[in-house]
Amino acid sequence: MAEGERQEGGAGDAGTPPLDESIRAIGDSGRASLGATVDALRALRGLVSADLALARSALGRALAWTGVAVVFGATGWLLATAAGVALLQGLGMSWLGSLSIAALFNLAITGLAAWRTAHFFDYMGLHATRRQLSRLGLFDEHGDEPDDGRGGDDGQDGGHPRADGDAAPGAPAPVTGGSASATEPQR
């Protein structure tokens, strides 16, 4: 029986390569895959380099054309303002009145632009990030409480529970009755 089993095992192994050939084939496949990966990464690096060079060139050209647009836009605005002043003066208004109306209009637009600019610069303060870092104890500006829009600088929390579960200084103590209300923080 032992010979028959060997023969059956030998007959079944006739189609499979020896172990060392299989290991060599796997190693060759791995090296080929690694080579293909390296080639793909080189091609990707070349593509990114070319894309960045194109973006750099486009940025320079865009800035140059933005300068041209600003110059001609400002010139156009000055000419439009001059035409408006001339029209108002032609309608019988004095030069002083015409220029004053144009100046007030320009100052109003400047004020609007400054207000909107300040509004958008406020978004650059990373307020939500700073608030979360303060809650984690990683960032604390001058020992102030985080500005989360729920309370002022007077230490009042607007009736909302604090993140640490403790009551704010000067806040009334929570009710400790038989049953906890749904609005009280769980401890």
N, C-alpha and C. Protein backbone atom coordinates (compact mmCIF):
# COMPACT_ATOMS: atom_id res chain seq x y z
N MET A 1 0.80 -1.18 0.00
CA MET A 1 0.00 0.00 0.00
C MET A 1 0.85 1.25 0.00
N ALA A 2 1.93 1.18 0.68
CA ALA A 2 2.78 2.34 0.75
C ALA A 2 3.30 2.68 -0.63
N GLU A 3 3.59 1.66 -1.45
CA GLU A 3 4.07 1.94 -2.79
C GLU A 3 2.96 2.53 -3.64
N GLY A 4 1.75 2.02 -3.49
CA GLY A 4 0.62 2.54 -4.27
C GLY A 4 0.33 4.00 -3.93
N GLU A 5 0.45 4.32 -2.65
CA GLU A 5 0.22 5.71 -2.26
C GLU A 5 1.30 6.61 -2.83
N ARG A 6 2.50 6.07 -2.85
CA ARG A 6 3.59 6.85 -3.42
C ARG A 6 3.37 7.05 -4.91
N GLN A 7 2.91 6.03 -5.57
CA GLN A 7 2.67 6.16 -7.00
C GLN A 7 1.56 7.16 -7.27
N GLU A 8 0.48 7.08 -6.49
CA GLU A 8 -0.60 8.03 -6.69
C GLU A 8 -0.11 9.44 -6.41
N GLY A 9 0.67 9.60 -5.32
CA GLY A 9 1.23 10.91 -5.00
C GLY A 9 2.17 11.37 -6.09
N GLY A 10 2.98 10.44 -6.63
CA GLY A 10 3.92 10.77 -7.69
C GLY A 10 3.17 11.11 -8.97
N ALA A 11 2.08 10.42 -9.25
CA ALA A 11 1.32 10.68 -10.46
C ALA A 11 0.62 12.03 -10.37
N GLY A 12 0.16 12.39 -9.15
CA GLY A 12 -0.51 13.69 -8.96
C GLY A 12 0.48 14.83 -9.02
N ASP A 13 1.74 14.60 -8.64
CA ASP A 13 2.76 15.64 -8.63
C ASP A 13 3.42 15.82 -9.99
N ALA A 14 3.11 14.96 -10.95
CA ALA A 14 3.76 15.04 -12.24
C ALA A 14 3.43 16.36 -12.94
N GLY A 15 2.22 16.93 -12.71
CA GLY A 15 1.82 18.17 -13.37
C GLY A 15 2.27 19.41 -12.62
N THR A 16 2.64 19.33 -11.37
CA THR A 16 3.06 20.49 -10.58
C THR A 16 4.57 20.60 -10.60
N PRO A 17 5.06 21.85 -10.72
CA PRO A 17 6.51 22.04 -10.72
C PRO A 17 7.07 21.84 -9.32
N PRO A 18 8.36 21.61 -9.24
CA PRO A 18 9.00 21.46 -7.92
C PRO A 18 8.91 22.77 -7.14
N LEU A 19 9.12 22.68 -5.85
CA LEU A 19 8.99 23.82 -4.94
C LEU A 19 9.97 24.94 -5.27
N ASP A 20 11.20 24.62 -5.59
CA ASP A 20 12.18 25.67 -5.87
C ASP A 20 11.82 26.45 -7.13
N GLU A 21 11.25 25.79 -8.15
CA GLU A 21 10.81 26.51 -9.35
C GLU A 21 9.63 27.43 -9.03
N SER A 22 8.72 26.98 -8.18
CA SER A 22 7.57 27.81 -7.79
C SER A 22 8.03 29.05 -7.04
N ILE A 23 9.00 28.87 -6.14
CA ILE A 23 9.53 30.01 -5.38
C ILE A 23 10.22 30.98 -6.32
N ARG A 24 10.99 30.45 -7.30
CA ARG A 24 11.65 31.31 -8.27
C ARG A 24 10.62 32.07 -9.10
N ALA A 25 9.55 31.41 -9.51
CA ALA A 25 8.51 32.06 -10.32
C ALA A 25 7.81 33.16 -9.52
N ILE A 26 7.55 32.90 -8.25
CA ILE A 26 6.93 33.92 -7.39
C ILE A 26 7.87 35.09 -7.21
N GLY A 27 9.16 34.84 -7.00
CA GLY A 27 10.15 35.90 -6.86
C GLY A 27 10.25 36.74 -8.13
N ASP A 28 10.25 36.06 -9.30
CA ASP A 28 10.30 36.79 -10.57
C ASP A 28 9.05 37.65 -10.76
N SER A 29 7.91 37.11 -10.39
CA SER A 29 6.66 37.89 -10.50
C SER A 29 6.68 39.09 -9.57
N GLY A 30 7.19 38.90 -8.36
CA GLY A 30 7.30 40.01 -7.40
C GLY A 30 8.23 41.10 -7.90
N ARG A 31 9.39 40.68 -8.46
CA ARG A 31 10.33 41.66 -9.01
C ARG A 31 9.70 42.40 -10.19
N ALA A 32 8.98 41.69 -11.04
CA ALA A 32 8.31 42.33 -12.18
C ALA A 32 7.25 43.32 -11.70
N SER A 33 6.50 42.93 -10.66
CA SER A 33 5.50 43.85 -10.11
C SER A 33 6.16 45.07 -9.49
N LEU A 34 7.25 44.87 -8.76
CA LEU A 34 7.97 45.99 -8.16
C LEU A 34 8.53 46.92 -9.25
N GLY A 35 9.08 46.33 -10.31
CA GLY A 35 9.59 47.14 -11.42
C GLY A 35 8.48 47.95 -12.09
N ALA A 36 7.32 47.33 -12.28
CA ALA A 36 6.20 48.05 -12.87
C ALA A 36 5.73 49.17 -11.95
N THR A 37 5.73 48.92 -10.66
CA THR A 37 5.33 49.95 -9.70
C THR A 37 6.31 51.12 -9.72
N VAL A 38 7.61 50.82 -9.75
CA VAL A 38 8.62 51.87 -9.80
C VAL A 38 8.48 52.68 -11.09
N ASP A 39 8.25 52.00 -12.22
CA ASP A 39 8.06 52.70 -13.49
C ASP A 39 6.81 53.59 -13.44
N ALA A 40 5.74 53.08 -12.86
CA ALA A 40 4.51 53.88 -12.75
C ALA A 40 4.73 55.10 -11.86
N LEU A 41 5.47 54.93 -10.76
CA LEU A 41 5.75 56.07 -9.87
C LEU A 41 6.65 57.10 -10.56
N ARG A 42 7.61 56.64 -11.36
CA ARG A 42 8.45 57.58 -12.12
C ARG A 42 7.62 58.37 -13.11
N ALA A 43 6.72 57.67 -13.79
CA ALA A 43 5.85 58.36 -14.76
C ALA A 43 4.94 59.35 -14.05
N LEU A 44 4.43 58.96 -12.88
CA LEU A 44 3.57 59.87 -12.11
C LEU A 44 4.36 61.08 -11.63
N ARG A 45 5.61 60.87 -11.19
CA ARG A 45 6.44 61.99 -10.76
C ARG A 45 6.71 62.94 -11.92
N GLY A 46 6.96 62.40 -13.10
CA GLY A 46 7.16 63.23 -14.28
C GLY A 46 5.90 64.00 -14.64
N LEU A 47 4.76 63.35 -14.51
CA LEU A 47 3.48 64.02 -14.80
C LEU A 47 3.22 65.15 -13.82
N VAL A 48 3.46 64.90 -12.52
CA VAL A 48 3.25 65.94 -11.51
C VAL A 48 4.22 67.10 -11.72
N SER A 49 5.48 66.79 -12.07
CA SER A 49 6.45 67.86 -12.34
C SER A 49 6.03 68.71 -13.52
N ALA A 50 5.58 68.07 -14.58
CA ALA A 50 5.13 68.81 -15.76
C ALA A 50 3.88 69.63 -15.44
N ASP A 51 2.97 69.06 -14.66
CA ASP A 51 1.75 69.77 -14.27
C ASP A 51 2.07 70.99 -13.41
N LEU A 52 3.01 70.83 -12.47
CA LEU A 52 3.40 71.96 -11.62
C LEU A 52 4.10 73.04 -12.43
N ALA A 53 4.91 72.65 -13.39
CA ALA A 53 5.56 73.64 -14.25
C ALA A 53 4.52 74.41 -15.06
N LEU A 54 3.53 73.70 -15.57
CA LEU A 54 2.46 74.35 -16.32
C LEU A 54 1.66 75.29 -15.41
N ALA A 55 1.37 74.84 -14.19
CA ALA A 55 0.62 75.68 -13.25
C ALA A 55 1.43 76.91 -12.86
N ARG A 56 2.73 76.76 -12.67
CA ARG A 56 3.58 77.89 -12.33
C ARG A 56 3.59 78.92 -13.46
N SER A 57 3.71 78.44 -14.68
CA SER A 57 3.69 79.34 -15.84
C SER A 57 2.33 80.02 -15.96
N ALA A 58 1.26 79.26 -15.75
CA ALA A 58 -0.08 79.83 -15.85
C ALA A 58 -0.32 80.85 -14.75
N LEU A 59 0.20 80.61 -13.55
CA LEU A 59 0.03 81.56 -12.46
C LEU A 59 0.71 82.88 -12.78
N GLY A 60 1.92 82.82 -13.31
CA GLY A 60 2.63 84.04 -13.68
C GLY A 60 1.87 84.83 -14.74
N ARG A 61 1.38 84.13 -15.75
CA ARG A 61 0.62 84.81 -16.80
C ARG A 61 -0.70 85.35 -16.27
N ALA A 62 -1.34 84.59 -15.39
CA ALA A 62 -2.60 85.06 -14.82
C ALA A 62 -2.38 86.32 -13.98
N LEU A 63 -1.29 86.36 -13.23
CA LEU A 63 -0.99 87.55 -12.44
C LEU A 63 -0.71 88.75 -13.34
N ALA A 64 -0.01 88.53 -14.43
CA ALA A 64 0.27 89.62 -15.36
C ALA A 64 -1.03 90.16 -15.96
N TRP A 65 -1.91 89.26 -16.39
CA TRP A 65 -3.18 89.71 -16.97
C TRP A 65 -4.10 90.31 -15.91
N THR A 66 -3.97 89.85 -14.67
CA THR A 66 -4.75 90.48 -13.59
C THR A 66 -4.29 91.92 -13.39
N GLY A 67 -2.99 92.16 -13.46
CA GLY A 67 -2.47 93.53 -13.38
C GLY A 67 -3.00 94.40 -14.51
N VAL A 68 -3.03 93.85 -15.72
CA VAL A 68 -3.58 94.60 -16.87
C VAL A 68 -5.06 94.90 -16.62
N ALA A 69 -5.80 93.91 -16.12
CA ALA A 69 -7.23 94.12 -15.86
C ALA A 69 -7.45 95.18 -14.79
N VAL A 70 -6.62 95.18 -13.75
CA VAL A 70 -6.76 96.19 -12.68
C VAL A 70 -6.48 97.58 -13.23
N VAL A 71 -5.43 97.72 -14.02
CA VAL A 71 -5.09 99.03 -14.58
C VAL A 71 -6.21 99.54 -15.47
N PHE A 72 -6.67 98.70 -16.39
CA PHE A 72 -7.71 99.16 -17.30
C PHE A 72 -9.06 99.30 -16.61
N GLY A 73 -9.32 98.48 -15.57
CA GLY A 73 -10.55 98.64 -14.81
C GLY A 73 -10.56 99.95 -14.04
N ALA A 74 -9.43 100.28 -13.42
CA ALA A 74 -9.34 101.55 -12.70
C ALA A 74 -9.46 102.72 -13.66
N THR A 75 -8.81 102.61 -14.81
CA THR A 75 -8.91 103.68 -15.81
C THR A 75 -10.35 103.83 -16.29
N GLY A 76 -11.01 102.72 -16.54
CA GLY A 76 -12.41 102.76 -16.96
C GLY A 76 -13.31 103.37 -15.90
N TRP A 77 -13.05 103.02 -14.63
CA TRP A 77 -13.86 103.59 -13.54
C TRP A 77 -13.64 105.09 -13.44
N LEU A 78 -12.40 105.53 -13.59
CA LEU A 78 -12.13 106.97 -13.56
C LEU A 78 -12.84 107.69 -14.71
N LEU A 79 -12.81 107.09 -15.90
CA LEU A 79 -13.48 107.71 -17.04
C LEU A 79 -15.00 107.72 -16.84
N ALA A 80 -15.54 106.64 -16.28
CA ALA A 80 -16.99 106.60 -16.02
C ALA A 80 -17.37 107.65 -14.97
N THR A 81 -16.54 107.80 -13.94
CA THR A 81 -16.80 108.83 -12.93
C THR A 81 -16.73 110.22 -13.55
N ALA A 82 -15.74 110.44 -14.39
CA ALA A 82 -15.61 111.75 -15.07
C ALA A 82 -16.81 112.01 -15.96
N ALA A 83 -17.28 110.98 -16.66
CA ALA A 83 -18.46 111.16 -17.51
C ALA A 83 -19.69 111.45 -16.66
N GLY A 84 -19.80 110.78 -15.51
CA GLY A 84 -20.93 111.06 -14.61
C GLY A 84 -20.89 112.48 -14.08
N VAL A 85 -19.72 112.95 -13.72
CA VAL A 85 -19.56 114.33 -13.24
C VAL A 85 -19.93 115.30 -14.36
N ALA A 86 -19.44 115.02 -15.57
CA ALA A 86 -19.75 115.91 -16.71
C ALA A 86 -21.25 115.90 -17.01
N LEU A 87 -21.90 114.74 -16.88
CA LEU A 87 -23.34 114.66 -17.11
C LEU A 87 -24.10 115.47 -16.06
N LEU A 88 -23.72 115.30 -14.78
CA LEU A 88 -24.37 116.06 -13.72
C LEU A 88 -24.14 117.56 -13.90
N GLN A 89 -22.96 117.93 -14.32
CA GLN A 89 -22.66 119.35 -14.53
C GLN A 89 -23.44 119.87 -15.72
N GLY A 90 -23.60 119.03 -16.76
CA GLY A 90 -24.38 119.42 -17.93
C GLY A 90 -25.86 119.55 -17.62
N LEU A 91 -26.35 118.84 -16.61
CA LEU A 91 -27.75 118.95 -16.21
C LEU A 91 -28.01 120.16 -15.33
N GLY A 92 -26.98 120.95 -15.11
CA GLY A 92 -27.17 122.19 -14.37
C GLY A 92 -26.62 122.18 -12.97
N MET A 93 -25.99 121.11 -12.56
CA MET A 93 -25.42 121.06 -11.22
C MET A 93 -24.05 121.74 -11.23
N SER A 94 -23.65 122.26 -10.11
CA SER A 94 -22.34 122.91 -10.04
C SER A 94 -21.25 121.85 -10.04
N TRP A 95 -20.01 122.29 -10.35
CA TRP A 95 -18.89 121.37 -10.33
C TRP A 95 -18.71 120.78 -8.94
N LEU A 96 -18.85 121.59 -7.94
CA LEU A 96 -18.69 121.12 -6.57
C LEU A 96 -19.73 120.06 -6.23
N GLY A 97 -20.96 120.28 -6.61
CA GLY A 97 -22.02 119.31 -6.35
C GLY A 97 -21.81 118.02 -7.11
N SER A 98 -21.41 118.14 -8.39
CA SER A 98 -21.17 116.95 -9.22
C SER A 98 -20.03 116.11 -8.66
N LEU A 99 -18.94 116.76 -8.32
CA LEU A 99 -17.78 116.04 -7.77
C LEU A 99 -18.10 115.45 -6.40
N SER A 100 -18.91 116.17 -5.61
CA SER A 100 -19.28 115.65 -4.27
C SER A 100 -20.12 114.40 -4.39
N ILE A 101 -21.07 114.39 -5.32
CA ILE A 101 -21.90 113.19 -5.51
C ILE A 101 -21.03 112.01 -5.96
N ALA A 102 -20.11 112.26 -6.91
CA ALA A 102 -19.22 111.19 -7.37
C ALA A 102 -18.33 110.70 -6.23
N ALA A 103 -17.82 111.62 -5.42
CA ALA A 103 -16.96 111.23 -4.31
C ALA A 103 -17.75 110.43 -3.27
N LEU A 104 -18.97 110.85 -2.95
CA LEU A 104 -19.78 110.11 -1.98
C LEU A 104 -20.12 108.71 -2.50
N PHE A 105 -20.41 108.60 -3.78
CA PHE A 105 -20.69 107.28 -4.37
C PHE A 105 -19.46 106.38 -4.26
N ASN A 106 -18.29 106.92 -4.61
CA ASN A 106 -17.06 106.14 -4.53
C ASN A 106 -16.73 105.76 -3.09
N LEU A 107 -16.94 106.66 -2.15
CA LEU A 107 -16.68 106.36 -0.74
C LEU A 107 -17.64 105.30 -0.21
N ALA A 108 -18.90 105.34 -0.66
CA ALA A 108 -19.86 104.32 -0.24
C ALA A 108 -19.44 102.93 -0.74
N ILE A 109 -19.02 102.86 -2.00
CA ILE A 109 -18.57 101.57 -2.55
C ILE A 109 -17.30 101.12 -1.83
N THR A 110 -16.41 102.04 -1.52
CA THR A 110 -15.18 101.69 -0.78
C THR A 110 -15.52 101.17 0.61
N GLY A 111 -16.46 101.81 1.30
CA GLY A 111 -16.89 101.35 2.62
C GLY A 111 -17.49 99.96 2.56
N LEU A 112 -18.34 99.71 1.55
CA LEU A 112 -18.93 98.39 1.38
C LEU A 112 -17.84 97.34 1.15
N ALA A 113 -16.89 97.66 0.29
CA ALA A 113 -15.80 96.71 0.00
C ALA A 113 -14.96 96.46 1.25
N ALA A 114 -14.67 97.49 2.02
CA ALA A 114 -13.88 97.31 3.24
C ALA A 114 -14.63 96.47 4.26
N TRP A 115 -15.94 96.69 4.38
CA TRP A 115 -16.75 95.90 5.32
C TRP A 115 -16.76 94.44 4.92
N ARG A 116 -16.95 94.15 3.61
CA ARG A 116 -16.98 92.76 3.16
C ARG A 116 -15.60 92.11 3.29
N THR A 117 -14.55 92.88 3.05
CA THR A 117 -13.19 92.35 3.20
C THR A 117 -12.93 91.97 4.65
N ALA A 118 -13.31 92.83 5.57
CA ALA A 118 -13.13 92.52 6.99
C ALA A 118 -13.95 91.29 7.38
N HIS A 119 -15.13 91.17 6.81
CA HIS A 119 -15.99 90.01 7.10
C HIS A 119 -15.31 88.72 6.65
N PHE A 120 -14.73 88.72 5.46
CA PHE A 120 -14.09 87.51 4.96
C PHE A 120 -12.75 87.25 5.64
N PHE A 121 -12.04 88.30 6.05
CA PHE A 121 -10.81 88.10 6.80
C PHE A 121 -11.11 87.49 8.17
N ASP A 122 -12.29 87.71 8.69
CA ASP A 122 -12.67 87.12 9.97
C ASP A 122 -12.72 85.59 9.86
N TYR A 123 -13.05 85.08 8.68
CA TYR A 123 -13.07 83.63 8.48
C TYR A 123 -11.67 83.02 8.56
N MET A 124 -10.65 83.83 8.36
CA MET A 124 -9.29 83.32 8.40
C MET A 124 -8.78 83.15 9.82
N GLY A 125 -9.58 83.50 10.83
CA GLY A 125 -9.16 83.38 12.22
C GLY A 125 -9.20 81.97 12.76
N LEU A 126 -9.71 81.02 11.98
CA LEU A 126 -9.79 79.61 12.40
C LEU A 126 -10.49 79.48 13.75
N HIS A 127 -11.59 80.18 13.90
CA HIS A 127 -12.26 80.21 15.20
C HIS A 127 -12.73 78.84 15.66
N ALA A 128 -13.30 78.04 14.77
CA ALA A 128 -13.79 76.72 15.18
C ALA A 128 -12.63 75.82 15.58
N THR A 129 -11.54 75.89 14.84
CA THR A 129 -10.37 75.08 15.18
C THR A 129 -9.78 75.50 16.52
N ARG A 130 -9.65 76.81 16.72
CA ARG A 130 -9.12 77.30 17.99
C ARG A 130 -10.04 76.92 19.15
N ARG A 131 -11.34 76.96 18.92
CA ARG A 131 -12.30 76.60 19.97
C ARG A 131 -12.14 75.12 20.34
N GLN A 132 -12.00 74.26 19.33
CA GLN A 132 -11.84 72.83 19.61
C GLN A 132 -10.50 72.55 20.29
N LEU A 133 -9.45 73.24 19.87
CA LEU A 133 -8.16 73.06 20.53
C LEU A 133 -8.20 73.55 21.97
N SER A 134 -8.97 74.61 22.23
CA SER A 134 -9.11 75.09 23.60
C SER A 134 -9.84 74.05 24.45
N ARG A 135 -10.85 73.44 23.89
CA ARG A 135 -11.57 72.41 24.64
C ARG A 135 -10.69 71.21 24.94
N LEU A 136 -9.75 70.93 24.05
CA LEU A 136 -8.83 69.83 24.29
C LEU A 136 -7.69 70.23 25.22
N GLY A 137 -7.60 71.52 25.51
CA GLY A 137 -6.55 72.02 26.38
C GLY A 137 -5.23 72.23 25.67
N LEU A 138 -5.23 72.23 24.34
CA LEU A 138 -3.99 72.39 23.59
C LEU A 138 -3.71 73.83 23.20
N PHE A 139 -4.72 74.68 23.25
CA PHE A 139 -4.56 76.06 22.80
C PHE A 139 -5.46 76.92 23.66
N ASP A 140 -4.89 77.84 24.39
CA ASP A 140 -5.69 78.70 25.25
C ASP A 140 -5.14 80.11 25.12
N GLU A 141 -5.91 80.98 24.47
CA GLU A 141 -5.47 82.36 24.28
C GLU A 141 -5.68 83.14 25.56
N HIS A 142 -4.64 83.55 26.19
CA HIS A 142 -4.66 84.45 27.34
C HIS A 142 -5.59 83.96 28.43
N GLY A 143 -5.84 82.67 28.51
CA GLY A 143 -6.67 82.12 29.57
C GLY A 143 -8.16 82.40 29.40
N ASP A 144 -8.57 82.89 28.22
CA ASP A 144 -9.98 83.19 27.98
C ASP A 144 -10.75 81.90 27.73
N GLU A 145 -12.05 81.98 27.98
CA GLU A 145 -12.93 80.87 27.64
C GLU A 145 -13.07 80.84 26.13
N PRO A 146 -13.32 79.68 25.54
CA PRO A 146 -13.49 79.62 24.10
C PRO A 146 -14.72 80.39 23.66
N ASP A 147 -14.62 81.05 22.53
CA ASP A 147 -15.72 81.84 21.98
C ASP A 147 -16.56 80.94 21.09
N ASP A 148 -17.61 80.36 21.66
CA ASP A 148 -18.44 79.47 20.87
C ASP A 148 -19.79 80.09 20.53
N GLY A 149 -19.94 81.36 20.73
CA GLY A 149 -21.17 82.05 20.34
C GLY A 149 -22.31 81.87 21.32
N ARG A 150 -22.08 81.17 22.42
CA ARG A 150 -23.18 80.93 23.36
C ARG A 150 -23.17 81.88 24.54
N GLY A 151 -22.13 82.60 24.75
CA GLY A 151 -22.07 83.49 25.89
C GLY A 151 -21.11 84.62 25.63
N GLY A 152 -21.14 85.61 26.46
CA GLY A 152 -20.26 86.75 26.28
C GLY A 152 -19.00 86.59 27.10
N ASP A 153 -18.29 87.68 27.23
CA ASP A 153 -17.06 87.67 28.01
C ASP A 153 -17.32 87.83 29.50
N ASP A 154 -18.60 87.91 29.88
CA ASP A 154 -18.93 88.15 31.27
C ASP A 154 -18.98 86.86 32.08
N GLY A 155 -18.61 85.73 31.48
CA GLY A 155 -18.54 84.47 32.22
C GLY A 155 -19.85 83.71 32.22
N GLN A 156 -20.90 84.26 31.64
CA GLN A 156 -22.16 83.54 31.60
C GLN A 156 -22.15 82.61 30.40
N ASP A 157 -22.71 81.44 30.59
CA ASP A 157 -22.70 80.46 29.51
C ASP A 157 -24.02 80.37 28.78
N GLY A 158 -24.92 81.26 29.00
CA GLY A 158 -26.19 81.26 28.29
C GLY A 158 -27.08 80.10 28.68
N GLY A 159 -26.84 79.46 29.82
CA GLY A 159 -27.68 78.37 30.26
C GLY A 159 -27.30 77.03 29.67
N HIS A 160 -26.24 76.97 28.89
CA HIS A 160 -25.82 75.72 28.27
C HIS A 160 -24.78 75.05 29.14
N PRO A 161 -24.80 73.71 29.20
CA PRO A 161 -23.78 73.02 29.98
C PRO A 161 -22.42 73.15 29.32
N ARG A 162 -21.39 73.17 30.13
CA ARG A 162 -20.03 73.27 29.60
C ARG A 162 -19.57 71.90 29.17
N ALA A 163 -18.53 71.88 28.33
CA ALA A 163 -18.02 70.62 27.79
C ALA A 163 -17.45 69.73 28.89
N ASP A 164 -16.90 70.32 29.95
CA ASP A 164 -16.29 69.50 31.00
C ASP A 164 -17.29 69.04 32.05
N GLY A 165 -18.56 69.43 31.92
CA GLY A 165 -19.60 68.97 32.83
C GLY A 165 -19.71 69.80 34.09
N ASP A 166 -18.76 70.68 34.37
CA ASP A 166 -18.82 71.52 35.55
C ASP A 166 -19.63 72.77 35.24
N ALA A 167 -20.21 73.33 36.27
CA ALA A 167 -20.97 74.56 36.08
C ALA A 167 -20.01 75.72 35.89
N ALA A 168 -20.44 76.69 35.10
CA ALA A 168 -19.63 77.88 34.88
C ALA A 168 -19.57 78.68 36.17
N PRO A 169 -18.51 79.47 36.37
CA PRO A 169 -18.42 80.28 37.58
C PRO A 169 -19.61 81.24 37.66
N GLY A 170 -20.25 81.29 38.78
CA GLY A 170 -21.38 82.18 38.99
C GLY A 170 -22.70 81.60 38.50
N ALA A 171 -22.69 80.40 37.92
CA ALA A 171 -23.92 79.79 37.43
C ALA A 171 -24.62 79.09 38.59
N PRO A 172 -25.95 79.01 38.54
CA PRO A 172 -26.66 78.32 39.62
C PRO A 172 -26.30 76.84 39.64
N ALA A 173 -26.30 76.27 40.83
CA ALA A 173 -25.97 74.86 40.97
C ALA A 173 -27.09 74.02 40.37
N PRO A 174 -26.73 72.89 39.74
CA PRO A 174 -27.77 72.04 39.15
C PRO A 174 -28.64 71.43 40.24
N VAL A 175 -29.89 71.17 39.87
CA VAL A 175 -30.84 70.58 40.79
C VAL A 175 -30.47 69.12 40.99
N THR A 176 -30.37 68.70 42.23
CA THR A 176 -30.01 67.31 42.52
C THR A 176 -31.17 66.66 43.24
N GLY A 177 -32.21 66.39 42.49
CA GLY A 177 -33.40 65.76 43.06
C GLY A 177 -33.37 64.27 42.83
N GLY A 178 -34.54 63.66 42.99
CA GLY A 178 -34.65 62.22 42.82
C GLY A 178 -34.43 61.78 41.38
N SER A 179 -34.90 62.55 40.42
CA SER A 179 -34.72 62.16 39.02
C SER A 179 -34.03 63.30 38.27
N ALA A 180 -33.14 62.93 37.40
CA ALA A 180 -32.39 63.93 36.64
C ALA A 180 -33.20 64.34 35.43
N SER A 181 -33.21 65.62 35.16
CA SER A 181 -33.94 66.09 34.00
C SER A 181 -33.13 65.81 32.75
N ALA A 182 -33.79 65.86 31.59
CA ALA A 182 -33.12 65.56 30.33
C ALA A 182 -32.14 66.64 29.93
N THR A 183 -32.28 67.84 30.49
CA THR A 183 -31.38 68.93 30.10
C THR A 183 -30.11 68.98 30.93
N GLU A 184 -30.04 68.21 32.01
CA GLU A 184 -28.86 68.22 32.85
C GLU A 184 -27.81 67.31 32.24
N PRO A 185 -26.54 67.71 32.32
CA PRO A 185 -25.48 66.85 31.77
C PRO A 185 -25.31 65.59 32.61
N GLN A 186 -25.04 64.49 31.95
CA GLN A 186 -24.78 63.23 32.65
C GLN A 186 -23.37 63.26 33.19
N ARG A 187 -23.16 62.78 34.40
CA ARG A 187 -21.82 62.78 35.01
C ARG A 187 -21.30 61.39 35.05
